[in-house]
Amino acid sequence: MGCRSYSSTPQRCRVPPHPSQFHSRFVRALRRLIPYFGPYRGILWAGLLCVVVSGALGSVSPWLLRRGIDSMHAGASLTTVWGIAGAMLGASLVGGIFRFGMREFLNALSRKIECDLRNDLFGHLLTLDAPYYATTRTGELMARLTNDLGAVRMATGPAIMYLVNTVVGGLFAIGFMLSIEPRLTVLALLPILPLPFVSVRLGRLIHARFEQVQEHFGAMTTRVQENLSGTRIVRAYGQERAEQARFAAMSDEYLTRNLHLAKLQAAMSPTFALLAGVGSVVVLGAGGTLVVRGTISVGAFVAFGLYLTMLAWPLIAFGWVINLFQRASASMGRLEEILDARPQVTSPATRRELPAAHGGRRLEFRDVGFHYPVRGDQVVRWVFRHVSFYVDAGQTLGIVGATGSGKSALLDLITRTYDPVEGEVLLDGVPVRELSLTELRRELGAVPQESLLFSDTIRSNLSYGTLGDHDVAWAADVAQLTDTIRDFPGGFETMLGERGINLSGGQKQRAALARALARRPSIVLLDDALSAVDTHTEAAILHGLRDVLSGRTAVIASHRVSAIRDADWIIVLDAGRVVEAGRHDDLFAERGRYWELLARQQLEDEVEEGEGLRTP
């Protein structure tokens, strides 16, 4: 079947792996799980002991039944028969207790390992950086943290339980069968010889098809996530039917892939049952002949048939266990891709310390060039090159430019969201690459363009990343957010919806600003942080910021000249180059690019407010 994709991101058609590659990947993926069993060795051994004991006790009943039948045939007393029946009942009761124990222990083990693996995955995702998330779909990650993690859980508990139960039950059954009649045992087992070859072949096909199912599930999850987060856009453009049609097509493809997988899974149990059925036919014919000839007793023949039946169930369960391990191998391989991913931006092995400082720090860009990470033969598009400037400790730098001029990328290099491709960024003369990420970001208070708030109280959002919340009220006041908070019934304890949905765009920006200020950072970075507020609120916030930023280094990037006109130094970005630099009055007098931006903004304000053109 050809590979089809209905997602926005093309998918690869997977070629079934070569047998040697398949075996290598299978062993490597499951070996990765071994350390997770370490803390729970006691639970594992207790569960396995219960499996062995329950299997042994289950094998005793046919042997006791044989004795009972033969005793009755020999004219034994009623007391002897009832004694054997009581022994069978006792073995069943005790075996049931141990079967309960094996499920209790091994299912609990799988849940604990699932919890540990989930925590490790989430913790590792927090260490990955912007380049990783720029090339990885959110829906794909969610699919791996749900479906794939569940498949791995099944292999760490139920699959082990049934595998050991299958092996133990099969060995006990074969042992008792050999004790009854070795030749008949060999004849009964001959039809089972093809079983390993059938299992391996079907296992490879199941592995490949399950990977295709999981890949498509990730694409479908991405589509759902995009539609849920972008529901306003979908409705605004009237694309409900179109999106429903796209999802229906993806869902149909998911169904098709699952049906192909189900066909293989459905073929396993009947195949194994057929092989076991052939063995039953052999036993009925050959064993019946031995009974007629008097070679074995009727009780032995009945017990032999029961043992063969007991052996048939492990054979059927063996196919299901193989299926579970194949699924787990495919899923663990997908989880390994997350665990093996490494961030491009990391703390250096040998770290330098920043000199002690009270207040702000000196920031310098030295011949910096940057482009976003590219893969393969993608064309490199430089965001900017040969950018050099500095801002002394305690001063404010304004960066102004049109949309796409590189303002946000420049601030991303300060926080080390990305690293420059050329040149260096320095803090108090120390290259930021030589600082630990923890120390660097402890110095920074950043307000990005898109203000993300968590589904928590306003107080928790504003105190995020601080040691306490004693500066929260002060920061909210500076950000002109106090009146807004006071209007909420719960005040600072008001719960925000997902991504702060119950706040307006301007309110979210002011909340993000308050969150950054509450940390009392030495460097404040504002990336078009006031673009969603009106000009009057912007003026009030900027007025409040003057006192707050006193003694701190600040970098304010904005497409509004009004946001940076009072900065100590201003640079103008255009197409990734610094085309002008200076103070507001000097830049305005040059009537260059800065003057054009200011004139355009004043014209926009005039249209918006109906006021005349204002002079600077």
Foldseek 3Di string as FASTA:
>chain_A
DDDDDLFPDDDDDDDQDDPVVLVVLLVVLVVVLVVLCVVVVVLVVLLLVLLLLLLLLVLVLLVLLLVLVVCVVVPHDPVSNVVSVVSNVVSVVVSVVSVVSNQVSQLVSLVSSLVVLLVLLVVLVVQAFDLVPVPDFPLLVVLLNPVLSVLLSCLRGVLVSLLSNLVSNQVSLLVLLCVQPVVLSVLLCVLCVCLVVLLSVLLSVLLSLLLVLSVLSSSLSSLVVCCVVCVVVCVVVVPPVVSVVSSVVSVVVSVVSVVVSVVSLVVQLVVLLVSLVVSLVSLCVVVVVCCVVVVGDPSSSSSNNVSSVSNSVSSSVVSVSSSSSSSNSSSSVVSVVSVVDDHPQFADPAADDDDDDDFAWKKWFAQFWAFRDDDDPDDTDTLATGDTDIDHFQFEEEEAEDPSLCLQVVVCCQLPSDPTPDTFMDINRHGPNRHGSVNSCLQEQEQAPQQFAAQFFLQCRLCPPAPDSPCLVVLCVLLVNQVVLVPDPVRRRDGADHRRVVDDPQNSLSSSRSSSVSSVHQEYEAAQSRVRPDPVSLVSNLVSVVVSSGRGYYYYYHNACVNPQPGQKYFYGDSRDGPDIGHNVVVCVVCPPSVVSNQVVQVVVCVVPVDDRDDD
